[in-house]
Amino acid sequence: MNAFLGKKLCIATAHQKEIAIAPVVEQGLRVECVVPAHLNTDSLGTFSGEVSRKGSVLETLRAKCALAMKENKSDLVLASEGSFGAHPSSPFLPADFEMVLLIDNQSGKEFTGSFWTTDTNFSSTSITSEDEMESFMERIGFPSHGIILRKEANSFDPIFKGITNVETLWETYTFLKKNFGTVYAETDMRAMVNPKRMKAIGKATENLVNTILSLCPNCQAPGFSIQKMEAGLPCAWCKQPTRSPLYALRKCQECSHEVKSFFPNQKEMEDPQYCDYCNP
């Protein structure tokens, strides 16, 4: 059963995210995708800092959906939002967390999908020489991945975004060095100039589709998804509970039916290296 078959889905994006999102939802949910022509999602926050994000990721997603619906009245609306920083289980690794939200405007129901990955080039640094500039370019995957240049961190006057060719980069570098004496470089994390991020958005969308197509065994409503991962998988040596998940709790939005699925990672014991008793 597919409750969304043939419906129109509006993708709330100003940064070409439909490239990653539309093929997944069109194939998985059999919807018709549209993209608003003049949507300004930067008004809700920018990665480069000119506009600070005011709310949580979910609140920002809802605000994006509301903006899109002012321009395009659709049965469904979908938005994506990313956050970058340390990975929750590996704090020394930079990570990309992507979340997508689909709102069914007829029922008011919300469905989410998400994806964590350490496959990101999220990076920034002060540049003091052409050699350092070339090293940064190589490390982040330029020119397939865009670069932002400014005179210093948190400076917005001037700021140069979306640099994706060598000539423009060196012209901008020379301008900043000549006029301000300093250059600050960072990855442009907007999806249309960052293929790694675009790929992660696609993965989050796949998670969303899988969630929607997961039906409640009690009432057949869509979105019978994991709401909680309960820790407690026993250690293989000492049998004490570890922080690894013992079961996943799935819950229906419609009838509140719950199902516990034990051993969600397909193992019944945890490696002692992850045990706080055997490896404190």
C-alpha atoms as a PDB file:
ATOM      1  CA  MET A   1       0.000   0.000   0.000  1.00  0.00           C
ATOM      2  CA  ASN A   2       1.379   3.423  -1.018  1.00  0.00           C
ATOM      3  CA  ALA A   3      -0.657   6.341   0.308  1.00  0.00           C
ATOM      4  CA  PHE A   4       1.384   8.841  -1.730  1.00  0.00           C
ATOM      5  CA  LEU A   5       1.013   7.261  -5.192  1.00  0.00           C
ATOM      6  CA  GLY A   6       0.557   9.947  -7.882  1.00  0.00           C
ATOM      7  CA  LYS A   7       0.660  12.890  -5.475  1.00  0.00           C
ATOM      8  CA  LYS A   8       2.621  16.100  -6.106  1.00  0.00           C
ATOM      9  CA  LEU A   9       5.637  16.593  -3.840  1.00  0.00           C
ATOM     10  CA  CYS A  10       7.265  20.007  -3.467  1.00  0.00           C
ATOM     11  CA  ILE A  11      11.016  19.908  -2.681  1.00  0.00           C
ATOM     12  CA  ALA A  12      11.935  22.954  -0.585  1.00  0.00           C
ATOM     13  CA  THR A  13      15.406  23.795  -1.874  1.00  0.00           C
ATOM     14  CA  ALA A  14      17.383  26.701  -3.305  1.00  0.00           C
ATOM     15  CA  HIS A  15      20.565  24.652  -3.742  1.00  0.00           C
ATOM     16  CA  GLN A  16      19.605  22.010  -6.317  1.00  0.00           C
ATOM     17  CA  LYS A  17      19.000  19.248  -3.749  1.00  0.00           C
ATOM     18  CA  GLU A  18      16.347  17.842  -6.059  1.00  0.00           C
ATOM     19  CA  ILE A  19      19.273  16.200  -7.880  1.00  0.00           C
ATOM     20  CA  ALA A  20      19.690  13.828  -4.914  1.00  0.00           C
ATOM     21  CA  ILE A  21      16.121  13.769  -3.612  1.00  0.00           C
ATOM     22  CA  ALA A  22      13.795  13.569  -6.615  1.00  0.00           C
ATOM     23  CA  PRO A  23      15.006  10.259  -8.130  1.00  0.00           C
ATOM     24  CA  VAL A  24      14.710   8.506  -4.755  1.00  0.00           C
ATOM     25  CA  VAL A  25      11.195   9.677  -3.869  1.00  0.00           C
ATOM     26  CA  GLU A  26       9.865   9.390  -7.419  1.00  0.00           C
ATOM     27  CA  GLN A  27      10.966   5.771  -7.647  1.00  0.00           C
ATOM     28  CA  GLY A  28      10.203   4.791  -4.051  1.00  0.00           C
ATOM     29  CA  LEU A  29       6.935   6.649  -3.448  1.00  0.00           C
ATOM     30  CA  ARG A  30       5.742   7.142  -7.046  1.00  0.00           C
ATOM     31  CA  VAL A  31       5.202  10.875  -6.560  1.00  0.00           C
ATOM     32  CA  GLU A  32       5.588  13.815  -8.962  1.00  0.00           C
ATOM     33  CA  CYS A  33       8.294  16.263  -7.807  1.00  0.00           C
ATOM     34  CA  VAL A  34       8.249  20.038  -8.265  1.00  0.00           C
ATOM     35  CA  VAL A  35      10.737  22.684  -7.105  1.00  0.00           C
ATOM     36  CA  PRO A  36       9.772  26.296  -6.230  1.00  0.00           C
ATOM     37  CA  ALA A  37      11.393  28.774  -8.618  1.00  0.00           C
ATOM     38  CA  HIS A  38      12.291  31.566  -6.195  1.00  0.00           C
ATOM     39  CA  LEU A  39      12.696  29.998  -2.760  1.00  0.00           C
ATOM     40  CA  ASN A  40      15.175  31.701  -0.391  1.00  0.00           C
ATOM     41  CA  THR A  41      16.085  29.104   2.236  1.00  0.00           C
ATOM     42  CA  ASP A  42      19.203  31.140   3.144  1.00  0.00           C
ATOM     43  CA  SER A  43      16.860  33.411   5.134  1.00  0.00           C
ATOM     44  CA  LEU A  44      16.661  30.576   7.689  1.00  0.00           C
ATOM     45  CA  GLY A  45      20.420  30.154   8.102  1.00  0.00           C
ATOM     46  CA  THR A  46      23.647  29.782   6.118  1.00  0.00           C
ATOM     47  CA  PHE A  47      26.646  27.492   6.634  1.00  0.00           C
ATOM     48  CA  SER A  48      28.966  30.459   6.071  1.00  0.00           C
ATOM     49  CA  GLY A  49      27.434  32.304   9.016  1.00  0.00           C
ATOM     50  CA  GLU A  50      25.857  35.454   7.545  1.00  0.00           C
ATOM     51  CA  VAL A  51      22.493  34.245   8.855  1.00  0.00           C
ATOM     52  CA  SER A  52      22.459  32.150  12.035  1.00  0.00           C
ATOM     53  CA  ARG A  53      20.072  29.214  12.223  1.00  0.00           C
ATOM     54  CA  LYS A  54      17.549  30.168  14.893  1.00  0.00           C
ATOM     55  CA  GLY A  55      16.023  26.795  15.786  1.00  0.00           C
ATOM     56  CA  SER A  56      16.823  23.106  15.871  1.00  0.00           C
ATOM     57  CA  VAL A  57      17.302  21.029  12.733  1.00  0.00           C
ATOM     58  CA  LEU A  58      13.679  19.852  12.868  1.00  0.00           C
ATOM     59  CA  GLU A  59      12.358  23.386  13.472  1.00  0.00           C
ATOM     60  CA  THR A  60      14.371  24.641  10.501  1.00  0.00           C
ATOM     61  CA  LEU A  61      13.007  21.848   8.321  1.00  0.00           C
ATOM     62  CA  ARG A  62       9.440  22.793   9.231  1.00  0.00           C
ATOM     63  CA  ALA A  63      10.189  26.443   8.450  1.00  0.00           C
ATOM     64  CA  LYS A  64      11.610  25.492   5.035  1.00  0.00           C
ATOM     65  CA  CYS A  65       8.486  23.475   4.284  1.00  0.00           C
ATOM     66  CA  ALA A  66       6.291  26.418   5.281  1.00  0.00           C
ATOM     67  CA  LEU A  67       8.263  28.770   2.992  1.00  0.00           C
ATOM     68  CA  ALA A  68       7.903  26.389   0.068  1.00  0.00           C
ATOM     69  CA  MET A  69       4.167  25.990   0.587  1.00  0.00           C
ATOM     70  CA  LYS A  70       3.648  29.746   0.273  1.00  0.00           C
ATOM     71  CA  GLU A  71       4.889  29.488  -3.312  1.00  0.00           C
ATOM     72  CA  ASN A  72       3.709  26.041  -4.347  1.00  0.00           C
ATOM     73  CA  LYS A  73       0.585  24.357  -3.007  1.00  0.00           C
ATOM     74  CA  SER A  74       1.270  20.613  -3.084  1.00  0.00           C
ATOM     75  CA  ASP A  75      -0.077  17.473  -1.476  1.00  0.00           C
ATOM     76  CA  LEU A  76       3.341  16.830   0.070  1.00  0.00           C
ATOM     77  CA  VAL A  77       6.356  18.984   0.906  1.00  0.00           C
ATOM     78  CA  LEU A  78       9.903  17.847   1.686  1.00  0.00           C
ATOM     79  CA  ALA A  79      12.949  19.678   3.028  1.00  0.00           C
ATOM     80  CA  SER A  80      16.525  18.773   3.931  1.00  0.00           C
ATOM     81  CA  GLU A  81      18.941  20.207   6.502  1.00  0.00           C
ATOM     82  CA  GLY A  82      22.531  19.347   7.369  1.00  0.00           C
ATOM     83  CA  SER A  83      24.768  19.849  10.396  1.00  0.00           C
ATOM     84  CA  PHE A  84      28.539  19.466  10.558  1.00  0.00           C
ATOM     85  CA  GLY A  85      30.832  18.802  13.498  1.00  0.00           C
ATOM     86  CA  ALA A  86      32.299  15.943  15.509  1.00  0.00           C
ATOM     87  CA  HIS A  87      30.826  12.457  15.076  1.00  0.00           C
ATOM     88  CA  PRO A  88      28.828  11.494  18.230  1.00  0.00           C
ATOM     89  CA  SER A  89      30.698   8.217  18.759  1.00  0.00           C
ATOM     90  CA  SER A  90      34.072   9.337  17.339  1.00  0.00           C
ATOM     91  CA  PRO A  91      34.631  12.939  18.491  1.00  0.00           C
ATOM     92  CA  PHE A  92      37.944  13.290  16.651  1.00  0.00           C
ATOM     93  CA  LEU A  93      36.295  12.638  13.261  1.00  0.00           C
ATOM     94  CA  PRO A  94      34.402  15.364  11.372  1.00  0.00           C
ATOM     95  CA  ALA A  95      30.913  14.221  10.426  1.00  0.00           C
ATOM     96  CA  ASP A  96      27.910  15.226   8.359  1.00  0.00           C
ATOM     97  CA  PHE A  97      24.421  14.667   9.782  1.00  0.00           C
ATOM     98  CA  GLU A  98      21.654  14.991   7.209  1.00  0.00           C
ATOM     99  CA  MET A  99      17.966  14.994   8.007  1.00  0.00           C
ATOM    100  CA  VAL A 100      14.978  15.151   5.668  1.00  0.00           C
ATOM    101  CA  LEU A 101      11.382  15.886   6.603  1.00  0.00           C
ATOM    102  CA  LEU A 102       8.273  15.072   4.565  1.00  0.00           C
ATOM    103  CA  ILE A 103       4.959  16.640   5.581  1.00  0.00           C
ATOM    104  CA  ASP A 104       1.643  15.283   4.311  1.00  0.00           C
ATOM    105  CA  ASN A 105      -0.462  18.436   4.097  1.00  0.00           C
ATOM    106  CA  GLN A 106      -3.737  16.518   4.000  1.00  0.00           C
ATOM    107  CA  SER A 107      -3.207  14.487   7.171  1.00  0.00           C
ATOM    108  CA  GLY A 108      -0.671  16.758   8.898  1.00  0.00           C
ATOM    109  CA  LYS A 109       1.615  13.784   9.498  1.00  0.00           C
ATOM    110  CA  GLU A 110       5.390  14.160   9.466  1.00  0.00           C
ATOM    111  CA  PHE A 111       7.956  11.584   8.376  1.00  0.00           C
ATOM    112  CA  THR A 112      11.716  11.902   8.822  1.00  0.00           C
ATOM    113  CA  GLY A 113      14.829  10.241   7.457  1.00  0.00           C
ATOM    114  CA  SER A 114      18.436  10.744   8.508  1.00  0.00           C
ATOM    115  CA  PHE A 115      22.004   9.749   7.744  1.00  0.00           C
ATOM    116  CA  TRP A 116      25.323  10.102   9.597  1.00  0.00           C
ATOM    117  CA  THR A 117      28.595   9.931   7.669  1.00  0.00           C
ATOM    118  CA  THR A 118      32.274  10.694   8.201  1.00  0.00           C
ATOM    119  CA  ASP A 119      32.727  10.891   4.424  1.00  0.00           C
ATOM    120  CA  THR A 120      32.802  14.692   4.430  1.00  0.00           C
ATOM    121  CA  ASN A 121      35.382  17.316   3.464  1.00  0.00           C
ATOM    122  CA  PHE A 122      34.095  19.816   6.057  1.00  0.00           C
ATOM    123  CA  SER A 123      37.173  21.945   6.808  1.00  0.00           C
ATOM    124  CA  SER A 124      38.439  25.497   7.283  1.00  0.00           C
ATOM    125  CA  THR A 125      41.801  27.132   7.902  1.00  0.00           C
ATOM    126  CA  SER A 126      43.817  30.345   7.720  1.00  0.00           C
ATOM    127  CA  ILE A 127      45.995  30.476   4.610  1.00  0.00           C
ATOM    128  CA  THR A 128      49.408  32.131   4.791  1.00  0.00           C
ATOM    129  CA  SER A 129      50.989  31.065   1.482  1.00  0.00           C
ATOM    130  CA  GLU A 130      50.228  29.760  -1.998  1.00  0.00           C
ATOM    131  CA  ASP A 131      51.564  26.352  -0.949  1.00  0.00           C
ATOM    132  CA  GLU A 132      49.033  26.213   1.897  1.00  0.00           C
ATOM    133  CA  MET A 133      46.292  27.242  -0.529  1.00  0.00           C
ATOM    134  CA  GLU A 134      47.235  24.456  -2.936  1.00  0.00           C
ATOM    135  CA  SER A 135      47.346  21.940  -0.072  1.00  0.00           C
ATOM    136  CA  PHE A 136      43.840  22.941   1.043  1.00  0.00           C
ATOM    137  CA  MET A 137      42.539  22.711  -2.532  1.00  0.00           C
ATOM    138  CA  GLU A 138      43.886  19.185  -2.885  1.00  0.00           C
ATOM    139  CA  ARG A 139      42.658  18.050   0.537  1.00  0.00           C
ATOM    140  CA  ILE A 140      39.033  19.077   0.051  1.00  0.00           C
ATOM    141  CA  GLY A 141      38.712  17.877  -3.540  1.00  0.00           C
ATOM    142  CA  PHE A 142      38.733  21.168  -5.441  1.00  0.00           C
ATOM    143  CA  PRO A 143      37.464  21.961  -8.066  1.00  0.00           C
ATOM    144  CA  SER A 144      34.682  19.328  -7.930  1.00  0.00           C
ATOM    145  CA  HIS A 145      33.971  20.653  -4.418  1.00  0.00           C
ATOM    146  CA  GLY A 146      33.563  24.394  -3.959  1.00  0.00           C
ATOM    147  CA  ILE A 147      35.570  26.719  -1.735  1.00  0.00           C
ATOM    148  CA  ILE A 148      34.682  29.891   0.188  1.00  0.00           C
ATOM    149  CA  LEU A 149      37.340  32.579   0.676  1.00  0.00           C
ATOM    150  CA  ARG A 150      37.252  35.566   2.999  1.00  0.00           C
ATOM    151  CA  LYS A 151      39.808  37.718   4.777  1.00  0.00           C
ATOM    152  CA  GLU A 152      39.378  35.997   8.149  1.00  0.00           C
ATOM    153  CA  ALA A 153      37.055  33.658  10.027  1.00  0.00           C
ATOM    154  CA  ASN A 154      33.582  35.096  10.742  1.00  0.00           C
ATOM    155  CA  SER A 155      34.193  38.035   8.389  1.00  0.00           C
ATOM    156  CA  PHE A 156      31.468  38.693   5.822  1.00  0.00           C
ATOM    157  CA  ASP A 157      32.806  41.779   4.067  1.00  0.00           C
ATOM    158  CA  PRO A 158      33.920  40.597   1.630  1.00  0.00           C
ATOM    159  CA  ILE A 159      33.053  36.909   1.265  1.00  0.00           C
ATOM    160  CA  PHE A 160      33.397  34.870  -1.939  1.00  0.00           C
ATOM    161  CA  LYS A 161      31.289  31.703  -2.214  1.00  0.00           C
ATOM    162  CA  GLY A 162      30.940  28.914  -4.712  1.00  0.00           C
ATOM    163  CA  ILE A 163      34.467  29.087  -6.146  1.00  0.00           C
ATOM    164  CA  THR A 164      34.841  26.066  -8.440  1.00  0.00           C
ATOM    165  CA  ASN A 165      37.541  26.994 -10.946  1.00  0.00           C
ATOM    166  CA  VAL A 166      41.260  27.588 -10.557  1.00  0.00           C
ATOM    167  CA  GLU A 167      41.413  31.011 -12.225  1.00  0.00           C
ATOM    168  CA  THR A 168      38.697  32.504 -10.006  1.00  0.00           C
ATOM    169  CA  LEU A 169      40.282  31.007  -6.897  1.00  0.00           C
ATOM    170  CA  TRP A 170      43.710  32.540  -7.504  1.00  0.00           C
ATOM    171  CA  GLU A 171      42.204  35.904  -8.497  1.00  0.00           C
ATOM    172  CA  THR A 172      40.250  35.937  -5.228  1.00  0.00           C
ATOM    173  CA  TYR A 173      43.235  34.767  -3.184  1.00  0.00           C
ATOM    174  CA  THR A 174      45.404  37.557  -4.682  1.00  0.00           C
ATOM    175  CA  PHE A 175      42.716  40.188  -4.053  1.00  0.00           C
ATOM    176  CA  LEU A 176      42.343  39.240  -0.380  1.00  0.00           C
ATOM    177  CA  LYS A 177      46.094  38.970   0.194  1.00  0.00           C
ATOM    178  CA  LYS A 178      46.766  42.341  -1.445  1.00  0.00           C
ATOM    179  CA  ASN A 179      43.959  44.275   0.235  1.00  0.00           C
ATOM    180  CA  PHE A 180      43.822  42.672   3.695  1.00  0.00           C
ATOM    181  CA  GLY A 181      47.035  40.680   4.096  1.00  0.00           C
ATOM    182  CA  THR A 182      45.123  37.583   5.241  1.00  0.00           C
ATOM    183  CA  VAL A 183      43.104  34.782   3.630  1.00  0.00           C
ATOM    184  CA  TYR A 184      40.707  32.326   5.258  1.00  0.00           C
ATOM    185  CA  ALA A 185      39.519  29.265   3.307  1.00  0.00           C
ATOM    186  CA  GLU A 186      36.675  26.854   3.996  1.00  0.00           C
ATOM    187  CA  THR A 187      34.689  24.225   2.180  1.00  0.00           C
ATOM    188  CA  ASP A 188      31.447  25.437   0.638  1.00  0.00           C
ATOM    189  CA  MET A 189      28.972  22.976   2.148  1.00  0.00           C
ATOM    190  CA  ARG A 190      26.016  23.956  -0.032  1.00  0.00           C
ATOM    191  CA  ALA A 191      24.795  20.865  -1.831  1.00  0.00           C
ATOM    192  CA  MET A 192      25.142  22.149  -5.402  1.00  0.00           C
ATOM    193  CA  VAL A 193      28.914  22.623  -4.975  1.00  0.00           C
ATOM    194  CA  ASN A 194      29.606  19.709  -2.627  1.00  0.00           C
ATOM    195  CA  PRO A 195      29.071  16.243  -4.173  1.00  0.00           C
ATOM    196  CA  LYS A 196      29.931  14.471  -0.905  1.00  0.00           C
ATOM    197  CA  ARG A 197      27.079  16.268   0.824  1.00  0.00           C
ATOM    198  CA  MET A 198      24.730  15.680  -2.103  1.00  0.00           C
ATOM    199  CA  LYS A 199      25.407  11.944  -1.771  1.00  0.00           C
ATOM    200  CA  ALA A 200      24.626  12.059   1.974  1.00  0.00           C
ATOM    201  CA  ILE A 201      21.319  13.847   1.284  1.00  0.00           C
ATOM    202  CA  GLY A 202      20.425  11.037  -1.090  1.00  0.00           C
ATOM    203  CA  LYS A 203      21.157   8.462   1.631  1.00  0.00           C
ATOM    204  CA  ALA A 204      18.968  10.348   4.142  1.00  0.00           C
ATOM    205  CA  THR A 205      16.186  10.397   1.547  1.00  0.00           C
ATOM    206  CA  GLU A 206      16.516   6.627   1.068  1.00  0.00           C
ATOM    207  CA  ASN A 207      16.098   6.255   4.844  1.00  0.00           C
ATOM    208  CA  LEU A 208      12.966   8.440   4.670  1.00  0.00           C
ATOM    209  CA  VAL A 209      11.418   6.334   1.892  1.00  0.00           C
ATOM    210  CA  ASN A 210      12.172   3.100   3.757  1.00  0.00           C
ATOM    211  CA  THR A 211      10.523   4.568   6.869  1.00  0.00           C
ATOM    212  CA  ILE A 212       7.380   5.576   4.980  1.00  0.00           C
ATOM    213  CA  LEU A 213       7.082   2.204   3.270  1.00  0.00           C
ATOM    214  CA  SER A 214       7.402   0.404   6.612  1.00  0.00           C
ATOM    215  CA  LEU A 215       3.771  -0.301   7.553  1.00  0.00           C
ATOM    216  CA  CYS A 216       2.377  -0.832  11.040  1.00  0.00           C
ATOM    217  CA  PRO A 217       1.524  -4.531  11.506  1.00  0.00           C
ATOM    218  CA  ASN A 218      -1.515  -3.530  13.550  1.00  0.00           C
ATOM    219  CA  CYS A 219      -3.213  -0.827  11.441  1.00  0.00           C
ATOM    220  CA  GLN A 220      -1.151  -0.698   8.213  1.00  0.00           C
ATOM    221  CA  ALA A 221      -0.353   3.004   8.601  1.00  0.00           C
ATOM    222  CA  PRO A 222       2.906   4.162   6.955  1.00  0.00           C
ATOM    223  CA  GLY A 223       5.965   5.205   8.963  1.00  0.00           C
ATOM    224  CA  PHE A 224       6.321   2.307  11.393  1.00  0.00           C
ATOM    225  CA  SER A 225       9.844   3.405  12.237  1.00  0.00           C
ATOM    226  CA  ILE A 226      12.493   3.107  14.923  1.00  0.00           C
ATOM    227  CA  GLN A 227      11.820   5.659  17.670  1.00  0.00           C
ATOM    228  CA  LYS A 228      14.428   4.514  20.166  1.00  0.00           C
ATOM    229  CA  MET A 229      17.549   2.346  20.394  1.00  0.00           C
ATOM    230  CA  GLU A 230      17.841   0.827  23.888  1.00  0.00           C
ATOM    231  CA  ALA A 231      21.390   0.150  25.099  1.00  0.00           C
ATOM    232  CA  GLY A 232      22.353  -2.977  26.994  1.00  0.00           C
ATOM    233  CA  LEU A 233      23.896  -5.525  24.633  1.00  0.00           C
ATOM    234  CA  PRO A 234      25.899  -7.860  26.948  1.00  0.00           C
ATOM    235  CA  CYS A 235      29.675  -8.077  26.784  1.00  0.00           C
ATOM    236  CA  ALA A 236      30.999 -11.381  25.382  1.00  0.00           C
ATOM    237  CA  TRP A 237      33.463 -11.713  28.301  1.00  0.00           C
ATOM    238  CA  CYS A 238      31.841 -10.395  31.473  1.00  0.00           C
ATOM    239  CA  LYS A 239      28.177 -10.409  30.323  1.00  0.00           C
ATOM    240  CA  GLN A 240      27.651  -6.914  31.759  1.00  0.00           C
ATOM    241  CA  PRO A 241      25.486  -4.530  29.682  1.00  0.00           C
ATOM    242  CA  THR A 242      27.344  -2.261  27.267  1.00  0.00           C
ATOM    243  CA  ARG A 243      26.325   0.981  25.582  1.00  0.00           C
ATOM    244  CA  SER A 244      25.628  -0.872  22.329  1.00  0.00           C
ATOM    245  CA  PRO A 245      21.952  -1.335  21.365  1.00  0.00           C
ATOM    246  CA  LEU A 246      20.106  -4.361  22.735  1.00  0.00           C
ATOM    247  CA  TYR A 247      16.886  -3.654  20.874  1.00  0.00           C
ATOM    248  CA  ALA A 248      15.209  -1.135  18.571  1.00  0.00           C
ATOM    249  CA  LEU A 249      11.762   0.148  19.464  1.00  0.00           C
ATOM    250  CA  ARG A 250       9.405   0.770  16.551  1.00  0.00           C
ATOM    251  CA  LYS A 251       6.209   2.739  17.129  1.00  0.00           C
ATOM    252  CA  CYS A 252       3.198   3.613  14.976  1.00  0.00           C
ATOM    253  CA  GLN A 253       2.178   7.287  14.718  1.00  0.00           C
ATOM    254  CA  GLU A 254      -1.432   6.285  14.124  1.00  0.00           C
ATOM    255  CA  CYS A 255      -2.341   3.630  16.712  1.00  0.00           C
ATOM    256  CA  SER A 256       0.765   3.723  19.018  1.00  0.00           C
ATOM    257  CA  HIS A 257       1.445   0.015  18.445  1.00  0.00           C
ATOM    258  CA  GLU A 258       5.002  -0.871  19.542  1.00  0.00           C
ATOM    259  CA  VAL A 259       7.397  -3.648  18.593  1.00  0.00           C
ATOM    260  CA  LYS A 260      10.796  -4.377  20.123  1.00  0.00           C
ATOM    261  CA  SER A 261      13.333  -5.830  17.667  1.00  0.00           C
ATOM    262  CA  PHE A 262      16.207  -7.369  19.606  1.00  0.00           C
ATOM    263  CA  PHE A 263      19.794  -7.370  18.345  1.00  0.00           C
ATOM    264  CA  PRO A 264      19.325  -4.647  15.672  1.00  0.00           C
ATOM    265  CA  ASN A 265      22.992  -4.898  14.636  1.00  0.00           C
ATOM    266  CA  GLN A 266      22.729  -8.664  14.048  1.00  0.00           C
ATOM    267  CA  LYS A 267      24.879  -9.651  17.024  1.00  0.00           C
ATOM    268  CA  GLU A 268      23.901 -11.003  20.444  1.00  0.00           C
ATOM    269  CA  MET A 269      27.165 -10.176  22.263  1.00  0.00           C
ATOM    270  CA  GLU A 270      29.428  -7.138  22.128  1.00  0.00           C
ATOM    271  CA  ASP A 271      33.190  -7.106  21.612  1.00  0.00           C
ATOM    272  CA  PRO A 272      34.909  -6.526  25.009  1.00  0.00           C
ATOM    273  CA  GLN A 273      36.749  -3.499  23.583  1.00  0.00           C
ATOM    274  CA  TYR A 274      33.420  -1.642  23.757  1.00  0.00           C
ATOM    275  CA  CYS A 275      32.694  -2.718  27.337  1.00  0.00           C
ATOM    276  CA  ASP A 276      33.104  -0.121  30.110  1.00  0.00           C
ATOM    277  CA  TYR A 277      33.944  -2.890  32.604  1.00  0.00           C
ATOM    278  CA  CYS A 278      36.504  -4.861  30.540  1.00  0.00           C
ATOM    279  CA  ASN A 279      37.946  -1.786  28.831  1.00  0.00           C
ATOM    280  CA  PRO A 280      37.255   1.187  31.114  1.00  0.00           C
END
